[in-house]
Structure formats: structure tokens, C-alpha cells
PDB file of N, CA and C in Angstrom:
ATOM      1  N   UNK A   1      34.323 -59.124 -50.240  1.00  0.00           N
ATOM      2  CA  UNK A   1      34.362 -58.385 -48.990  1.00  0.00           C
ATOM      3  C   UNK A   1      34.527 -56.895 -49.305  1.00  0.00           C
ATOM      4  N   UNK A   2      33.741 -56.078 -48.624  1.00  0.00           N
ATOM      5  CA  UNK A   2      33.825 -54.629 -48.747  1.00  0.00           C
ATOM      6  C   UNK A   2      34.192 -54.105 -47.370  1.00  0.00           C
ATOM      7  N   UNK A   3      35.160 -53.224 -47.315  1.00  0.00           N
ATOM      8  CA  UNK A   3      35.579 -52.729 -46.007  1.00  0.00           C
ATOM      9  C   UNK A   3      35.691 -51.214 -46.004  1.00  0.00           C
ATOM     10  N   UNK A   4      35.645 -50.689 -44.804  1.00  0.00           N
ATOM     11  CA  UNK A   4      35.806 -49.263 -44.573  1.00  0.00           C
ATOM     12  C   UNK A   4      36.407 -49.079 -43.198  1.00  0.00           C
ATOM     13  N   UNK A   5      36.406 -47.884 -42.712  1.00  0.00           N
ATOM     14  CA  UNK A   5      36.992 -47.594 -41.408  1.00  0.00           C
ATOM     15  C   UNK A   5      36.239 -48.346 -40.305  1.00  0.00           C
ATOM     16  N   UNK A   6      36.833 -49.406 -39.782  1.00  0.00           N
ATOM     17  CA  UNK A   6      36.270 -50.127 -38.649  1.00  0.00           C
ATOM     18  C   UNK A   6      35.262 -51.206 -38.993  1.00  0.00           C
ATOM     19  N   UNK A   7      35.071 -51.567 -40.269  1.00  0.00           N
ATOM     20  CA  UNK A   7      34.088 -52.599 -40.600  1.00  0.00           C
ATOM     21  C   UNK A   7      34.479 -53.375 -41.858  1.00  0.00           C
ATOM     22  N   UNK A   8      33.943 -54.578 -41.958  1.00  0.00           N
ATOM     23  CA  UNK A   8      34.057 -55.419 -43.150  1.00  0.00           C
ATOM     24  C   UNK A   8      32.693 -56.055 -43.359  1.00  0.00           C
ATOM     25  N   UNK A   9      32.193 -56.040 -44.602  1.00  0.00           N
ATOM     26  CA  UNK A   9      30.886 -56.599 -44.931  1.00  0.00           C
ATOM     27  C   UNK A   9      31.061 -57.558 -46.104  1.00  0.00           C
ATOM     28  N   UNK A  10      30.475 -58.747 -45.989  1.00  0.00           N
ATOM     29  CA  UNK A  10      30.498 -59.704 -47.088  1.00  0.00           C
ATOM     30  C   UNK A  10      29.323 -59.430 -48.018  1.00  0.00           C
ATOM     31  N   UNK A  11      29.602 -59.295 -49.308  1.00  0.00           N
ATOM     32  CA  UNK A  11      28.563 -59.093 -50.324  1.00  0.00           C
ATOM     33  C   UNK A  11      28.792 -60.104 -51.445  1.00  0.00           C
ATOM     34  N   UNK A  12      27.765 -60.402 -52.225  1.00  0.00           N
ATOM     35  CA  UNK A  12      27.933 -61.349 -53.331  1.00  0.00           C
ATOM     36  C   UNK A  12      28.977 -60.880 -54.352  1.00  0.00           C
ATOM     37  N   UNK A  13      29.687 -61.821 -54.919  1.00  0.00           N
ATOM     38  CA  UNK A  13      30.673 -61.544 -55.958  1.00  0.00           C
ATOM     39  C   UNK A  13      30.002 -60.837 -57.130  1.00  0.00           C
ATOM     40  N   UNK A  14      30.670 -59.850 -57.667  1.00  0.00           N
ATOM     41  CA  UNK A  14      30.148 -59.156 -58.839  1.00  0.00           C
ATOM     42  C   UNK A  14      29.317 -57.924 -58.543  1.00  0.00           C
ATOM     43  N   UNK A  15      29.018 -57.665 -57.279  1.00  0.00           N
ATOM     44  CA  UNK A  15      28.267 -56.460 -56.964  1.00  0.00           C
ATOM     45  C   UNK A  15      29.162 -55.238 -57.187  1.00  0.00           C
ATOM     46  N   UNK A  16      28.595 -54.160 -57.697  1.00  0.00           N
ATOM     47  CA  UNK A  16      29.329 -52.917 -57.919  1.00  0.00           C
ATOM     48  C   UNK A  16      29.517 -52.204 -56.586  1.00  0.00           C
ATOM     49  N   UNK A  17      30.746 -51.760 -56.338  1.00  0.00           N
ATOM     50  CA  UNK A  17      31.068 -51.077 -55.082  1.00  0.00           C
ATOM     51  C   UNK A  17      31.258 -49.588 -55.356  1.00  0.00           C
ATOM     52  N   UNK A  18      30.644 -48.770 -54.513  1.00  0.00           N
ATOM     53  CA  UNK A  18      30.780 -47.314 -54.614  1.00  0.00           C
ATOM     54  C   UNK A  18      31.245 -46.785 -53.259  1.00  0.00           C
ATOM     55  N   UNK A  19      32.114 -45.804 -53.309  1.00  0.00           N
ATOM     56  CA  UNK A  19      32.617 -45.180 -52.080  1.00  0.00           C
ATOM     57  C   UNK A  19      32.395 -43.675 -52.149  1.00  0.00           C
ATOM     58  N   UNK A  20      31.934 -43.114 -51.057  1.00  0.00           N
ATOM     59  CA  UNK A  20      31.768 -41.665 -50.925  1.00  0.00           C
ATOM     60  C   UNK A  20      32.168 -41.307 -49.501  1.00  0.00           C
ATOM     61  N   UNK A  21      32.269 -40.059 -49.215  1.00  0.00           N
ATOM     62  CA  UNK A  21      32.665 -39.631 -47.870  1.00  0.00           C
ATOM     63  C   UNK A  21      31.732 -40.224 -46.827  1.00  0.00           C
ATOM     64  N   UNK A  22      32.271 -41.040 -45.935  1.00  0.00           N
ATOM     65  CA  UNK A  22      31.479 -41.605 -44.848  1.00  0.00           C
ATOM     66  C   UNK A  22      30.544 -42.727 -45.240  1.00  0.00           C
ATOM     67  N   UNK A  23      30.619 -43.229 -46.499  1.00  0.00           N
ATOM     68  CA  UNK A  23      29.701 -44.285 -46.912  1.00  0.00           C
ATOM     69  C   UNK A  23      30.368 -45.208 -47.929  1.00  0.00           C
ATOM     70  N   UNK A  24      30.077 -46.491 -47.795  1.00  0.00           N
ATOM     71  CA  UNK A  24      30.469 -47.493 -48.777  1.00  0.00           C
ATOM     72  C   UNK A  24      29.211 -48.277 -49.103  1.00  0.00           C
ATOM     73  N   UNK A  25      28.954 -48.506 -50.395  1.00  0.00           N
ATOM     74  CA  UNK A  25      27.782 -49.297 -50.768  1.00  0.00           C
ATOM     75  C   UNK A  25      28.175 -50.295 -51.850  1.00  0.00           C
ATOM     76  N   UNK A  26      27.427 -51.382 -51.898  1.00  0.00           N
ATOM     77  CA  UNK A  26      27.619 -52.400 -52.926  1.00  0.00           C
ATOM     78  C   UNK A  26      26.237 -52.875 -53.326  1.00  0.00           C
ATOM     79  N   UNK A  27      26.044 -53.126 -54.621  1.00  0.00           N
ATOM     80  CA  UNK A  27      24.726 -53.568 -55.025  1.00  0.00           C
ATOM     81  C   UNK A  27      24.666 -54.077 -56.443  1.00  0.00           C
ATOM     82  N   UNK A  28      23.513 -54.651 -56.728  1.00  0.00           N
ATOM     83  CA  UNK A  28      23.202 -55.129 -58.068  1.00  0.00           C
ATOM     84  C   UNK A  28      21.685 -55.037 -58.202  1.00  0.00           C
ATOM     85  N   UNK A  29      21.214 -54.277 -59.177  1.00  0.00           N
ATOM     86  CA  UNK A  29      19.774 -54.090 -59.342  1.00  0.00           C
ATOM     87  C   UNK A  29      19.192 -53.354 -58.147  1.00  0.00           C
ATOM     88  N   UNK A  30      18.084 -53.871 -57.619  1.00  0.00           N
ATOM     89  CA  UNK A  30      17.438 -53.237 -56.461  1.00  0.00           C
ATOM     90  C   UNK A  30      18.082 -53.628 -55.139  1.00  0.00           C
ATOM     91  N   UNK A  31      18.961 -54.628 -55.151  1.00  0.00           N
ATOM     92  CA  UNK A  31      19.600 -55.092 -53.912  1.00  0.00           C
ATOM     93  C   UNK A  31      20.843 -54.261 -53.627  1.00  0.00           C
ATOM     94  N   UNK A  32      20.870 -53.631 -52.468  1.00  0.00           N
ATOM     95  CA  UNK A  32      21.982 -52.765 -52.088  1.00  0.00           C
ATOM     96  C   UNK A  32      22.297 -52.974 -50.612  1.00  0.00           C
ATOM     97  N   UNK A  33      23.580 -53.010 -50.308  1.00  0.00           N
ATOM     98  CA  UNK A  33      24.055 -53.005 -48.931  1.00  0.00           C
ATOM     99  C   UNK A  33      24.923 -51.762 -48.800  1.00  0.00           C
ATOM    100  N   UNK A  34      24.654 -50.956 -47.782  1.00  0.00           N
ATOM    101  CA  UNK A  34      25.494 -49.775 -47.585  1.00  0.00           C
ATOM    102  C   UNK A  34      25.819 -49.621 -46.111  1.00  0.00           C
ATOM    103  N   UNK A  35      26.987 -49.052 -45.861  1.00  0.00           N
ATOM    104  CA  UNK A  35      27.405 -48.754 -44.497  1.00  0.00           C
ATOM    105  C   UNK A  35      27.780 -47.281 -44.463  1.00  0.00           C
ATOM    106  N   UNK A  36      27.127 -46.568 -43.563  1.00  0.00           N
ATOM    107  CA  UNK A  36      27.441 -45.159 -43.334  1.00  0.00           C
ATOM    108  C   UNK A  36      28.005 -45.058 -41.927  1.00  0.00           C
ATOM    109  N   UNK A  37      28.983 -44.215 -41.767  1.00  0.00           N
ATOM    110  CA  UNK A  37      29.549 -44.019 -40.438  1.00  0.00           C
ATOM    111  C   UNK A  37      29.396 -42.570 -40.026  1.00  0.00           C
ATOM    112  N   UNK A  38      29.290 -42.375 -38.720  1.00  0.00           N
ATOM    113  CA  UNK A  38      29.181 -41.028 -38.171  1.00  0.00           C
ATOM    114  C   UNK A  38      29.790 -41.045 -36.774  1.00  0.00           C
ATOM    115  N   UNK A  39      30.391 -39.950 -36.388  1.00  0.00           N
ATOM    116  CA  UNK A  39      30.941 -39.887 -35.035  1.00  0.00           C
ATOM    117  C   UNK A  39      29.831 -39.713 -34.006  1.00  0.00           C
ATOM    118  N   UNK A  40      30.045 -40.286 -32.837  1.00  0.00           N
ATOM    119  CA  UNK A  40      29.136 -40.071 -31.709  1.00  0.00           C
ATOM    120  C   UNK A  40      29.741 -38.989 -30.824  1.00  0.00           C
ATOM    121  N   UNK A  41      28.883 -38.206 -30.207  1.00  0.00           N
ATOM    122  CA  UNK A  41      29.369 -37.136 -29.349  1.00  0.00           C
ATOM    123  C   UNK A  41      30.091 -37.700 -28.121  1.00  0.00           C
ATOM    124  N   UNK A  42      29.574 -38.812 -27.593  1.00  0.00           N
ATOM    125  CA  UNK A  42      30.182 -39.455 -26.427  1.00  0.00           C
ATOM    126  C   UNK A  42      30.369 -40.932 -26.746  1.00  0.00           C
ATOM    127  N   UNK A  43      31.359 -41.551 -26.131  1.00  0.00           N
ATOM    128  CA  UNK A  43      31.600 -42.980 -26.348  1.00  0.00           C
ATOM    129  C   UNK A  43      30.410 -43.793 -25.842  1.00  0.00           C
ATOM    130  N   UNK A  44      30.016 -44.807 -26.629  1.00  0.00           N
ATOM    131  CA  UNK A  44      28.933 -45.690 -26.210  1.00  0.00           C
ATOM    132  C   UNK A  44      29.427 -46.576 -25.072  1.00  0.00           C
ATOM    133  N   UNK A  45      28.583 -46.703 -24.033  1.00  0.00           N
ATOM    134  CA  UNK A  45      28.847 -47.611 -22.906  1.00  0.00           C
ATOM    135  C   UNK A  45      27.566 -48.398 -22.673  1.00  0.00           C
ATOM    136  N   UNK A  46      27.707 -49.620 -22.156  1.00  0.00           N
ATOM    137  CA  UNK A  46      26.551 -50.499 -21.957  1.00  0.00           C
ATOM    138  C   UNK A  46      25.469 -49.846 -21.103  1.00  0.00           C
ATOM    139  N   UNK A  47      25.835 -48.990 -20.170  1.00  0.00           N
ATOM    140  CA  UNK A  47      24.860 -48.345 -19.304  1.00  0.00           C
ATOM    141  C   UNK A  47      23.919 -47.426 -20.106  1.00  0.00           C
ATOM    142  N   UNK A  48      24.307 -47.064 -21.322  1.00  0.00           N
ATOM    143  CA  UNK A  48      23.497 -46.182 -22.165  1.00  0.00           C
ATOM    144  C   UNK A  48      22.514 -46.942 -23.057  1.00  0.00           C
ATOM    145  N   UNK A  49      22.484 -48.268 -22.975  1.00  0.00           N
ATOM    146  CA  UNK A  49      21.718 -49.091 -23.918  1.00  0.00           C
ATOM    147  C   UNK A  49      20.244 -48.710 -24.003  1.00  0.00           C
ATOM    148  N   UNK A  50      19.578 -48.554 -22.874  1.00  0.00           N
ATOM    149  CA  UNK A  50      18.136 -48.272 -22.898  1.00  0.00           C
ATOM    150  C   UNK A  50      17.831 -46.953 -23.594  1.00  0.00           C
ATOM    151  N   UNK A  51      18.545 -45.900 -23.239  1.00  0.00           N
ATOM    152  CA  UNK A  51      18.310 -44.601 -23.860  1.00  0.00           C
ATOM    153  C   UNK A  51      18.683 -44.597 -25.333  1.00  0.00           C
ATOM    154  N   UNK A  52      19.790 -45.268 -25.668  1.00  0.00           N
ATOM    155  CA  UNK A  52      20.213 -45.336 -27.073  1.00  0.00           C
ATOM    156  C   UNK A  52      19.199 -46.107 -27.900  1.00  0.00           C
ATOM    157  N   UNK A  53      18.684 -47.218 -27.371  1.00  0.00           N
ATOM    158  CA  UNK A  53      17.686 -48.009 -28.094  1.00  0.00           C
ATOM    159  C   UNK A  53      16.433 -47.175 -28.358  1.00  0.00           C
ATOM    160  N   UNK A  54      16.010 -46.395 -27.371  1.00  0.00           N
ATOM    161  CA  UNK A  54      14.826 -45.543 -27.551  1.00  0.00           C
ATOM    162  C   UNK A  54      15.066 -44.526 -28.665  1.00  0.00           C
ATOM    163  N   UNK A  55      16.238 -43.909 -28.678  1.00  0.00           N
ATOM    164  CA  UNK A  55      16.552 -42.919 -29.712  1.00  0.00           C
ATOM    165  C   UNK A  55      16.606 -43.579 -31.096  1.00  0.00           C
ATOM    166  N   UNK A  56      17.191 -44.777 -31.177  1.00  0.00           N
ATOM    167  CA  UNK A  56      17.258 -45.476 -32.464  1.00  0.00           C
ATOM    168  C   UNK A  56      15.866 -45.874 -32.941  1.00  0.00           C
ATOM    169  N   UNK A  57      14.994 -46.287 -32.001  1.00  0.00           N
ATOM    170  CA  UNK A  57      13.606 -46.600 -32.360  1.00  0.00           C
ATOM    171  C   UNK A  57      12.936 -45.377 -32.995  1.00  0.00           C
ATOM    172  N   UNK A  58      13.171 -44.211 -32.416  1.00  0.00           N
ATOM    173  CA  UNK A  58      12.587 -42.974 -32.940  1.00  0.00           C
ATOM    174  C   UNK A  58      13.127 -42.662 -34.328  1.00  0.00           C
ATOM    175  N   UNK A  59      14.427 -42.867 -34.535  1.00  0.00           N
ATOM    176  CA  UNK A  59      15.017 -42.606 -35.842  1.00  0.00           C
ATOM    177  C   UNK A  59      14.467 -43.553 -36.897  1.00  0.00           C
ATOM    178  N   UNK A  60      14.323 -44.830 -36.552  1.00  0.00           N
ATOM    179  CA  UNK A  60      13.760 -45.801 -37.503  1.00  0.00           C
ATOM    180  C   UNK A  60      12.307 -45.447 -37.829  1.00  0.00           C
ATOM    181  N   UNK A  61      11.558 -45.014 -36.828  1.00  0.00           N
ATOM    182  CA  UNK A  61      10.158 -44.617 -37.060  1.00  0.00           C
ATOM    183  C   UNK A  61      10.084 -43.413 -37.988  1.00  0.00           C
ATOM    184  N   UNK A  62      11.023 -42.466 -37.860  1.00  0.00           N
ATOM    185  CA  UNK A  62      11.063 -41.307 -38.750  1.00  0.00           C
ATOM    186  C   UNK A  62      11.324 -41.730 -40.194  1.00  0.00           C
ATOM    187  N   UNK A  63      12.272 -42.668 -40.377  1.00  0.00           N
ATOM    188  CA  UNK A  63      12.559 -43.167 -41.726  1.00  0.00           C
ATOM    189  C   UNK A  63      11.318 -43.835 -42.301  1.00  0.00           C
ATOM    190  N   UNK A  64      10.679 -44.689 -41.499  1.00  0.00           N
ATOM    191  CA  UNK A  64       9.470 -45.387 -41.954  1.00  0.00           C
ATOM    192  C   UNK A  64       8.373 -44.393 -42.314  1.00  0.00           C
ATOM    193  N   UNK A  65       8.187 -43.379 -41.501  1.00  0.00           N
ATOM    194  CA  UNK A  65       7.173 -42.362 -41.766  1.00  0.00           C
ATOM    195  C   UNK A  65       7.449 -41.666 -43.102  1.00  0.00           C
ATOM    196  N   UNK A  66       8.722 -41.325 -43.335  1.00  0.00           N
ATOM    197  CA  UNK A  66       9.095 -40.668 -44.585  1.00  0.00           C
ATOM    198  C   UNK A  66       8.835 -41.536 -45.814  1.00  0.00           C
ATOM    199  N   UNK A  67       8.846 -42.852 -45.618  1.00  0.00           N
ATOM    200  CA  UNK A  67       8.588 -43.789 -46.722  1.00  0.00           C
ATOM    201  C   UNK A  67       7.125 -44.229 -46.767  1.00  0.00           C
ATOM    202  N   UNK A  68       6.302 -43.682 -45.864  1.00  0.00           N
ATOM    203  CA  UNK A  68       4.901 -44.087 -45.729  1.00  0.00           C
ATOM    204  C   UNK A  68       4.808 -45.577 -45.417  1.00  0.00           C
ATOM    205  N   UNK A  69       5.680 -46.005 -44.512  1.00  0.00           N
ATOM    206  CA  UNK A  69       5.721 -47.418 -44.148  1.00  0.00           C
ATOM    207  C   UNK A  69       5.682 -47.615 -42.651  1.00  0.00           C
ATOM    208  N   UNK A  70       6.091 -48.806 -42.212  1.00  0.00           N
ATOM    209  CA  UNK A  70       6.075 -49.154 -40.800  1.00  0.00           C
ATOM    210  C   UNK A  70       7.381 -49.852 -40.442  1.00  0.00           C
ATOM    211  N   UNK A  71       7.943 -49.473 -39.289  1.00  0.00           N
ATOM    212  CA  UNK A  71       9.188 -50.082 -38.812  1.00  0.00           C
ATOM    213  C   UNK A  71       8.884 -51.129 -37.756  1.00  0.00           C
ATOM    214  N   UNK A  72       9.577 -52.251 -37.850  1.00  0.00           N
ATOM    215  CA  UNK A  72       9.474 -53.324 -36.873  1.00  0.00           C
ATOM    216  C   UNK A  72      10.874 -53.627 -36.354  1.00  0.00           C
ATOM    217  N   UNK A  73      11.044 -53.686 -35.045  1.00  0.00           N
ATOM    218  CA  UNK A  73      12.343 -54.038 -34.476  1.00  0.00           C
ATOM    219  C   UNK A  73      12.599 -55.513 -34.730  1.00  0.00           C
ATOM    220  N   UNK A  74      13.774 -55.829 -35.282  1.00  0.00           N
ATOM    221  CA  UNK A  74      14.099 -57.224 -35.580  1.00  0.00           C
ATOM    222  C   UNK A  74      15.085 -57.818 -34.588  1.00  0.00           C
ATOM    223  N   UNK A  75      15.952 -56.996 -34.034  1.00  0.00           N
ATOM    224  CA  UNK A  75      16.910 -57.554 -33.074  1.00  0.00           C
ATOM    225  C   UNK A  75      17.561 -56.456 -32.258  1.00  0.00           C
ATOM    226  N   UNK A  76      17.909 -56.811 -31.053  1.00  0.00           N
ATOM    227  CA  UNK A  76      18.751 -55.986 -30.206  1.00  0.00           C
ATOM    228  C   UNK A  76      19.935 -56.857 -29.851  1.00  0.00           C
ATOM    229  N   UNK A  77      21.110 -56.311 -29.962  1.00  0.00           N
ATOM    230  CA  UNK A  77      22.347 -57.085 -29.784  1.00  0.00           C
ATOM    231  C   UNK A  77      22.372 -58.243 -30.776  1.00  0.00           C
ATOM    232  N   UNK A  78      22.190 -57.915 -32.059  1.00  0.00           N
ATOM    233  CA  UNK A  78      22.163 -58.905 -33.137  1.00  0.00           C
ATOM    234  C   UNK A  78      23.403 -59.794 -33.060  1.00  0.00           C
ATOM    235  N   UNK A  79      23.241 -61.112 -33.035  1.00  0.00           N
ATOM    236  CA  UNK A  79      24.372 -62.006 -32.797  1.00  0.00           C
ATOM    237  C   UNK A  79      25.420 -62.038 -33.907  1.00  0.00           C
ATOM    238  N   UNK A  80      25.098 -61.615 -35.130  1.00  0.00           N
ATOM    239  CA  UNK A  80      26.070 -61.659 -36.223  1.00  0.00           C
ATOM    240  C   UNK A  80      27.139 -60.583 -36.101  1.00  0.00           C
ATOM    241  N   UNK A  81      26.907 -59.578 -35.276  1.00  0.00           N
ATOM    242  CA  UNK A  81      27.827 -58.452 -35.183  1.00  0.00           C
ATOM    243  C   UNK A  81      28.565 -58.515 -33.859  1.00  0.00           C
ATOM    244  N   UNK A  82      29.890 -58.576 -33.966  1.00  0.00           N
ATOM    245  CA  UNK A  82      30.716 -58.675 -32.762  1.00  0.00           C
ATOM    246  C   UNK A  82      31.838 -57.643 -32.841  1.00  0.00           C
ATOM    247  N   UNK A  83      32.368 -57.291 -31.706  1.00  0.00           N
ATOM    248  CA  UNK A  83      33.468 -56.341 -31.675  1.00  0.00           C
ATOM    249  C   UNK A  83      34.471 -56.749 -30.614  1.00  0.00           C
ATOM    250  N   UNK A  84      35.713 -56.449 -30.889  1.00  0.00           N
ATOM    251  CA  UNK A  84      36.770 -56.653 -29.904  1.00  0.00           C
ATOM    252  C   UNK A  84      37.037 -55.352 -29.155  1.00  0.00           C
ATOM    253  N   UNK A  85      36.195 -54.355 -29.390  1.00  0.00           N
ATOM    254  CA  UNK A  85      36.431 -53.027 -28.841  1.00  0.00           C
ATOM    255  C   UNK A  85      35.677 -52.739 -27.552  1.00  0.00           C
ATOM    256  N   UNK A  86      35.001 -53.707 -26.982  1.00  0.00           N
ATOM    257  CA  UNK A  86      34.254 -53.459 -25.753  1.00  0.00           C
ATOM    258  C   UNK A  86      32.766 -53.393 -26.006  1.00  0.00           C
ATOM    259  N   UNK A  87      32.086 -52.486 -25.319  1.00  0.00           N
ATOM    260  CA  UNK A  87      30.627 -52.395 -25.385  1.00  0.00           C
ATOM    261  C   UNK A  87      30.158 -52.049 -26.796  1.00  0.00           C
ATOM    262  N   UNK A  88      29.163 -52.798 -27.251  1.00  0.00           N
ATOM    263  CA  UNK A  88      28.580 -52.586 -28.579  1.00  0.00           C
ATOM    264  C   UNK A  88      27.065 -52.680 -28.444  1.00  0.00           C
ATOM    265  N   UNK A  89      26.341 -51.783 -29.100  1.00  0.00           N
ATOM    266  CA  UNK A  89      24.891 -51.903 -29.190  1.00  0.00           C
ATOM    267  C   UNK A  89      24.555 -52.078 -30.655  1.00  0.00           C
ATOM    268  N   UNK A  90      23.797 -53.108 -30.965  1.00  0.00           N
ATOM    269  CA  UNK A  90      23.259 -53.270 -32.315  1.00  0.00           C
ATOM    270  C   UNK A  90      21.749 -53.324 -32.190  1.00  0.00           C
ATOM    271  N   UNK A  91      21.091 -52.691 -33.118  1.00  0.00           N
ATOM    272  CA  UNK A  91      19.627 -52.673 -33.101  1.00  0.00           C
ATOM    273  C   UNK A  91      19.157 -52.682 -34.548  1.00  0.00           C
ATOM    274  N   UNK A  92      18.354 -53.693 -34.892  1.00  0.00           N
ATOM    275  CA  UNK A  92      17.924 -53.869 -36.268  1.00  0.00           C
ATOM    276  C   UNK A  92      16.445 -53.600 -36.463  1.00  0.00           C
ATOM    277  N   UNK A  93      16.098 -53.174 -37.685  1.00  0.00           N
ATOM    278  CA  UNK A  93      14.717 -52.842 -38.031  1.00  0.00           C
ATOM    279  C   UNK A  93      14.411 -53.307 -39.447  1.00  0.00           C
ATOM    280  N   UNK A  94      13.175 -53.711 -39.666  1.00  0.00           N
ATOM    281  CA  UNK A  94      12.641 -53.915 -41.007  1.00  0.00           C
ATOM    282  C   UNK A  94      11.637 -52.801 -41.237  1.00  0.00           C
ATOM    283  N   UNK A  95      11.773 -52.127 -42.358  1.00  0.00           N
ATOM    284  CA  UNK A  95      10.830 -51.067 -42.713  1.00  0.00           C
ATOM    285  C   UNK A  95      10.119 -51.522 -43.975  1.00  0.00           C
ATOM    286  N   UNK A  96       8.815 -51.717 -43.857  1.00  0.00           N
ATOM    287  CA  UNK A  96       8.004 -52.166 -44.986  1.00  0.00           C
ATOM    288  C   UNK A  96       7.237 -50.973 -45.542  1.00  0.00           C
ATOM    289  N   UNK A  97       7.365 -50.780 -46.851  1.00  0.00           N
ATOM    290  CA  UNK A  97       6.632 -49.705 -47.529  1.00  0.00           C
ATOM    291  C   UNK A  97       6.290 -50.192 -48.937  1.00  0.00           C
ATOM    292  N   UNK A  98       5.004 -50.224 -49.224  1.00  0.00           N
ATOM    293  CA  UNK A  98       4.549 -50.776 -50.499  1.00  0.00           C
ATOM    294  C   UNK A  98       4.967 -52.234 -50.598  1.00  0.00           C
ATOM    295  N   UNK A  99       5.539 -52.613 -51.735  1.00  0.00           N
ATOM    296  CA  UNK A  99       6.028 -53.978 -51.941  1.00  0.00           C
ATOM    297  C   UNK A  99       7.491 -54.128 -51.549  1.00  0.00           C
ATOM    298  N   UNK A 100       8.075 -53.093 -50.974  1.00  0.00           N
ATOM    299  CA  UNK A 100       9.506 -53.106 -50.668  1.00  0.00           C
ATOM    300  C   UNK A 100       9.762 -53.257 -49.174  1.00  0.00           C
ATOM    301  N   UNK A 101      10.945 -53.757 -48.863  1.00  0.00           N
ATOM    302  CA  UNK A 101      11.392 -53.888 -47.475  1.00  0.00           C
ATOM    303  C   UNK A 101      12.813 -53.356 -47.390  1.00  0.00           C
ATOM    304  N   UNK A 102      13.053 -52.505 -46.421  1.00  0.00           N
ATOM    305  CA  UNK A 102      14.389 -51.994 -46.157  1.00  0.00           C
ATOM    306  C   UNK A 102      14.802 -52.498 -44.784  1.00  0.00           C
ATOM    307  N   UNK A 103      15.998 -53.043 -44.688  1.00  0.00           N
ATOM    308  CA  UNK A 103      16.518 -53.506 -43.406  1.00  0.00           C
ATOM    309  C   UNK A 103      17.605 -52.540 -42.971  1.00  0.00           C
ATOM    310  N   UNK A 104      17.499 -52.071 -41.742  1.00  0.00           N
ATOM    311  CA  UNK A 104      18.488 -51.138 -41.189  1.00  0.00           C
ATOM    312  C   UNK A 104      19.007 -51.725 -39.883  1.00  0.00           C
ATOM    313  N   UNK A 105      20.316 -51.729 -39.727  1.00  0.00           N
ATOM    314  CA  UNK A 105      20.909 -52.135 -38.461  1.00  0.00           C
ATOM    315  C   UNK A 105      21.848 -51.023 -38.014  1.00  0.00           C
ATOM    316  N   UNK A 106      21.611 -50.499 -36.829  1.00  0.00           N
ATOM    317  CA  UNK A 106      22.489 -49.495 -36.239  1.00  0.00           C
ATOM    318  C   UNK A 106      23.488 -50.222 -35.354  1.00  0.00           C
ATOM    319  N   UNK A 107      24.745 -49.838 -35.444  1.00  0.00           N
ATOM    320  CA  UNK A 107      25.786 -50.414 -34.599  1.00  0.00           C
ATOM    321  C   UNK A 107      26.522 -49.253 -33.939  1.00  0.00           C
ATOM    322  N   UNK A 108      26.546 -49.252 -32.623  1.00  0.00           N
ATOM    323  CA  UNK A 108      27.253 -48.225 -31.856  1.00  0.00           C
ATOM    324  C   UNK A 108      28.460 -48.870 -31.197  1.00  0.00           C
ATOM    325  N   UNK A 109      29.652 -48.352 -31.516  1.00  0.00           N
ATOM    326  CA  UNK A 109      30.894 -48.874 -30.954  1.00  0.00           C
ATOM    327  C   UNK A 109      31.774 -47.685 -30.578  1.00  0.00           C
ATOM    328  N   UNK A 110      32.133 -47.598 -29.319  1.00  0.00           N
ATOM    329  CA  UNK A 110      32.989 -46.525 -28.838  1.00  0.00           C
ATOM    330  C   UNK A 110      32.414 -45.182 -29.274  1.00  0.00           C
ATOM    331  N   UNK A 111      33.113 -44.418 -30.121  1.00  0.00           N
ATOM    332  CA  UNK A 111      32.598 -43.115 -30.540  1.00  0.00           C
ATOM    333  C   UNK A 111      32.180 -43.115 -32.013  1.00  0.00           C
ATOM    334  N   UNK A 112      31.768 -44.304 -32.530  1.00  0.00           N
ATOM    335  CA  UNK A 112      31.319 -44.412 -33.924  1.00  0.00           C
ATOM    336  C   UNK A 112      29.957 -45.048 -34.020  1.00  0.00           C
ATOM    337  N   UNK A 113      29.164 -44.557 -34.945  1.00  0.00           N
ATOM    338  CA  UNK A 113      27.888 -45.175 -35.305  1.00  0.00           C
ATOM    339  C   UNK A 113      28.043 -45.710 -36.716  1.00  0.00           C
ATOM    340  N   UNK A 114      27.633 -46.970 -36.919  1.00  0.00           N
ATOM    341  CA  UNK A 114      27.655 -47.595 -38.241  1.00  0.00           C
ATOM    342  C   UNK A 114      26.230 -47.911 -38.620  1.00  0.00           C
TER     343      UNK A 114
END
């Protein structure tokens, strides 16, 4: 288990863990799991879901463009992620570029983005 401010992530035993300001990552070889956190200007509320999803779609498309790839939405309100803190938005993407695939999941909780 790897944890940081407000999150816990299960990773395979033996993966190397690295910590930096605002980020925790664990990996072995090409396989890496990382969590970055950032403050939100305003607290996330369920009424903001549509606008937030649109903005996250744009951000994922920018990442895909930078990798010369394509982003596909994989989930909204991904069932594996739960919070006891109230309204949560999760939005997942697969970004395919060359022979590689990057999976990104944005999680918005209160005034934090994970």
C-alpha cells in the first residue's frame, strides 16, 4: 500500500516507491502508478459535474495530443473509487500512443484534485 495526503493505492509488492512534492509514484520497469495532487480553486460539488467532465476531457485530449495519441473515456464515477467526504467526481481515460497505453483517472474531492 502506498499512501499520501487523502489517498491510499494498492501496488504490487516489491515496486519501488518515490515521493516528491505533491506526487507519490511506485513502479517496476515500464509499469508505474503515480498520484499527483493539486488544490482546486473551489470545492467540487455534484452540480459542477458536467462542466468539470468537459474540462477534464479537454485536459486528457491535450495529453494525448502531446503524445501523438488518442484519448478514450473509460469511466465516469468509476466504481472502484469511493469517498466518505461527500461529492466526488472520477473520470478515467485510456491514452493510446504507439504500442503504449497510459491510463489516467482524475478524482475531484472537496478542494483537491487527485
